Amino acid sequence: MVNTEQELVQWLKDHIPDKRANKDRDIDAVLLHYGFGDLAWPTLEQIGKELSIGTRERVRQVLKENFKKK
């Protein structure tokens, strides 16, 4: 049986282009944002720091590009 996290990871892997240099990091950002992982509902700032993405605006862009638009 597939759980929700595994299903989301598979969907992201299928929908984020392989040519993206930070595909795994972007998947982790989406997972953290939606409550999967060690941080309980982290802020955009916390996600940026945890994954070395940068500012909360950059994290917001990553989420929008890789998940919310799709």
N, C-alpha and C. Protein backbone atom coordinates (compact mmCIF):
# COMPACT_ATOMS: atom_id res chain seq x y z
N MET A 1 0.84 -1.18 0.00
CA MET A 1 0.00 0.00 0.00
C MET A 1 0.89 1.25 0.00
N VAL A 2 0.55 2.21 -0.82
CA VAL A 2 1.32 3.44 -0.94
C VAL A 2 0.72 4.47 0.02
N ASN A 3 1.60 5.13 0.79
CA ASN A 3 1.09 6.16 1.67
C ASN A 3 1.11 7.52 0.97
N THR A 4 0.53 8.50 1.59
CA THR A 4 0.38 9.82 0.98
C THR A 4 1.71 10.44 0.62
N GLU A 5 2.69 10.33 1.50
CA GLU A 5 4.01 10.91 1.22
C GLU A 5 4.65 10.26 0.01
N GLN A 6 4.60 8.95 -0.07
CA GLN A 6 5.18 8.24 -1.22
C GLN A 6 4.47 8.62 -2.51
N GLU A 7 3.16 8.75 -2.44
CA GLU A 7 2.39 9.13 -3.62
C GLU A 7 2.75 10.54 -4.08
N LEU A 8 2.91 11.46 -3.14
CA LEU A 8 3.30 12.83 -3.47
C LEU A 8 4.70 12.87 -4.07
N VAL A 9 5.64 12.14 -3.48
CA VAL A 9 7.00 12.09 -4.01
C VAL A 9 7.00 11.56 -5.44
N GLN A 10 6.25 10.51 -5.69
CA GLN A 10 6.19 9.95 -7.05
C GLN A 10 5.59 10.95 -8.03
N TRP A 11 4.53 11.64 -7.62
CA TRP A 11 3.92 12.64 -8.48
C TRP A 11 4.91 13.75 -8.81
N LEU A 12 5.64 14.22 -7.80
CA LEU A 12 6.63 15.27 -8.02
C LEU A 12 7.74 14.80 -8.95
N LYS A 13 8.22 13.58 -8.75
CA LYS A 13 9.27 13.04 -9.62
C LYS A 13 8.79 12.96 -11.07
N ASP A 14 7.53 12.65 -11.25
CA ASP A 14 6.96 12.54 -12.60
C ASP A 14 6.72 13.89 -13.24
N HIS A 15 6.49 14.93 -12.44
CA HIS A 15 6.10 16.23 -12.99
C HIS A 15 7.17 17.31 -12.94
N ILE A 16 8.25 17.10 -12.23
CA ILE A 16 9.36 18.06 -12.24
C ILE A 16 10.36 17.55 -13.28
N PRO A 17 10.71 18.38 -14.23
CA PRO A 17 11.63 17.93 -15.30
C PRO A 17 12.96 17.43 -14.73
N ASP A 18 13.47 16.35 -15.33
CA ASP A 18 14.75 15.78 -14.89
C ASP A 18 15.91 16.72 -15.08
N LYS A 19 15.78 17.67 -15.99
CA LYS A 19 16.89 18.59 -16.27
C LYS A 19 17.12 19.60 -15.15
N ARG A 20 16.17 19.71 -14.22
CA ARG A 20 16.35 20.65 -13.10
C ARG A 20 17.50 20.18 -12.23
N ALA A 21 18.44 21.06 -11.99
CA ALA A 21 19.64 20.73 -11.22
C ALA A 21 19.31 20.39 -9.76
N ASN A 22 18.26 20.99 -9.22
CA ASN A 22 17.93 20.81 -7.81
C ASN A 22 16.61 20.07 -7.61
N LYS A 23 16.34 19.10 -8.44
CA LYS A 23 15.07 18.39 -8.40
C LYS A 23 14.81 17.77 -7.02
N ASP A 24 15.78 17.08 -6.46
CA ASP A 24 15.60 16.44 -5.15
C ASP A 24 15.37 17.46 -4.06
N ARG A 25 16.10 18.57 -4.11
CA ARG A 25 15.93 19.64 -3.13
C ARG A 25 14.53 20.25 -3.25
N ASP A 26 14.07 20.44 -4.47
CA ASP A 26 12.75 21.00 -4.69
C ASP A 26 11.66 20.07 -4.16
N ILE A 27 11.84 18.78 -4.35
CA ILE A 27 10.89 17.80 -3.81
C ILE A 27 10.88 17.89 -2.29
N ASP A 28 12.04 17.98 -1.68
CA ASP A 28 12.12 18.11 -0.23
C ASP A 28 11.43 19.38 0.26
N ALA A 29 11.55 20.47 -0.49
CA ALA A 29 10.91 21.73 -0.11
C ALA A 29 9.39 21.57 -0.09
N VAL A 30 8.84 20.92 -1.11
CA VAL A 30 7.39 20.70 -1.16
C VAL A 30 6.96 19.82 0.01
N LEU A 31 7.70 18.75 0.25
CA LEU A 31 7.35 17.85 1.35
C LEU A 31 7.37 18.57 2.70
N LEU A 32 8.42 19.35 2.95
CA LEU A 32 8.51 20.08 4.22
C LEU A 32 7.36 21.08 4.35
N HIS A 33 7.06 21.77 3.28
CA HIS A 33 6.00 22.79 3.32
C HIS A 33 4.66 22.18 3.69
N TYR A 34 4.40 20.97 3.26
CA TYR A 34 3.12 20.33 3.55
C TYR A 34 3.17 19.38 4.74
N GLY A 35 4.19 19.52 5.59
CA GLY A 35 4.21 18.83 6.87
C GLY A 35 4.86 17.46 6.90
N PHE A 36 5.52 17.06 5.83
CA PHE A 36 6.24 15.79 5.83
C PHE A 36 7.69 16.07 6.19
N GLY A 37 8.24 15.32 7.10
CA GLY A 37 9.63 15.54 7.49
C GLY A 37 9.77 15.84 8.96
N ASP A 38 10.96 16.28 9.34
CA ASP A 38 11.28 16.49 10.75
C ASP A 38 10.71 17.77 11.33
N LEU A 39 10.51 18.78 10.50
CA LEU A 39 9.99 20.06 10.98
C LEU A 39 8.46 20.06 10.91
N ALA A 40 7.83 20.41 12.01
CA ALA A 40 6.36 20.46 12.03
C ALA A 40 5.90 21.79 11.47
N TRP A 41 5.35 21.78 10.26
CA TRP A 41 4.83 22.96 9.57
C TRP A 41 5.80 24.14 9.63
N PRO A 42 6.94 23.98 8.99
CA PRO A 42 7.94 25.04 9.02
C PRO A 42 7.52 26.27 8.22
N THR A 43 8.10 27.39 8.58
CA THR A 43 7.88 28.61 7.81
C THR A 43 8.73 28.54 6.54
N LEU A 44 8.46 29.43 5.61
CA LEU A 44 9.27 29.48 4.40
C LEU A 44 10.73 29.78 4.73
N GLU A 45 10.94 30.62 5.74
CA GLU A 45 12.31 30.93 6.17
C GLU A 45 13.03 29.68 6.68
N GLN A 46 12.32 28.87 7.47
CA GLN A 46 12.92 27.64 8.00
C GLN A 46 13.25 26.66 6.88
N ILE A 47 12.37 26.54 5.91
CA ILE A 47 12.62 25.65 4.78
C ILE A 47 13.84 26.13 4.00
N GLY A 48 13.93 27.43 3.76
CA GLY A 48 15.08 28.00 3.06
C GLY A 48 16.38 27.72 3.77
N LYS A 49 16.37 27.85 5.07
CA LYS A 49 17.58 27.59 5.87
C LYS A 49 17.92 26.11 5.88
N GLU A 50 16.93 25.27 6.10
CA GLU A 50 17.13 23.81 6.17
C GLU A 50 17.71 23.25 4.88
N LEU A 51 17.23 23.75 3.74
CA LEU A 51 17.63 23.21 2.44
C LEU A 51 18.62 24.10 1.68
N SER A 52 19.06 25.16 2.32
CA SER A 52 20.01 26.11 1.71
C SER A 52 19.47 26.66 0.38
N ILE A 53 18.19 27.01 0.40
CA ILE A 53 17.57 27.57 -0.80
C ILE A 53 17.76 29.07 -0.87
N GLY A 54 17.73 29.71 0.28
CA GLY A 54 17.87 31.16 0.31
C GLY A 54 16.70 31.80 1.01
N THR A 55 16.19 32.85 0.43
CA THR A 55 15.14 33.63 1.05
C THR A 55 13.78 32.94 0.99
N ARG A 56 12.86 33.45 1.80
CA ARG A 56 11.51 32.88 1.78
C ARG A 56 10.85 33.09 0.42
N GLU A 57 11.22 34.18 -0.27
CA GLU A 57 10.67 34.43 -1.61
C GLU A 57 11.13 33.35 -2.58
N ARG A 58 12.39 32.94 -2.49
CA ARG A 58 12.89 31.88 -3.37
C ARG A 58 12.18 30.56 -3.08
N VAL A 59 11.95 30.27 -1.80
CA VAL A 59 11.22 29.05 -1.43
C VAL A 59 9.81 29.11 -2.01
N ARG A 60 9.15 30.26 -1.91
CA ARG A 60 7.82 30.43 -2.47
C ARG A 60 7.82 30.17 -3.97
N GLN A 61 8.86 30.66 -4.65
CA GLN A 61 8.97 30.44 -6.10
C GLN A 61 9.15 28.96 -6.42
N VAL A 62 9.98 28.27 -5.64
CA VAL A 62 10.21 26.84 -5.85
C VAL A 62 8.89 26.08 -5.69
N LEU A 63 8.14 26.40 -4.65
CA LEU A 63 6.85 25.73 -4.42
C LEU A 63 5.88 26.00 -5.57
N LYS A 64 5.82 27.23 -6.00
CA LYS A 64 4.91 27.59 -7.09
C LYS A 64 5.30 26.90 -8.39
N GLU A 65 6.59 26.93 -8.73
CA GLU A 65 7.05 26.34 -9.98
C GLU A 65 6.85 24.84 -10.03
N ASN A 66 7.03 24.18 -8.90
CA ASN A 66 7.08 22.73 -8.91
C ASN A 66 5.82 22.03 -8.44
N PHE A 67 4.92 22.78 -7.82
CA PHE A 67 3.74 22.08 -7.29
C PHE A 67 2.47 22.87 -7.50
N LYS A 68 2.42 24.09 -7.06
CA LYS A 68 1.16 24.83 -7.06
C LYS A 68 0.65 25.13 -8.46
N LYS A 69 1.53 25.36 -9.42
CA LYS A 69 1.10 25.62 -10.79
C LYS A 69 0.53 24.37 -11.45
N LYS A 70 0.98 23.22 -11.01
CA LYS A 70 0.60 21.97 -11.65
C LYS A 70 -0.66 21.42 -11.03
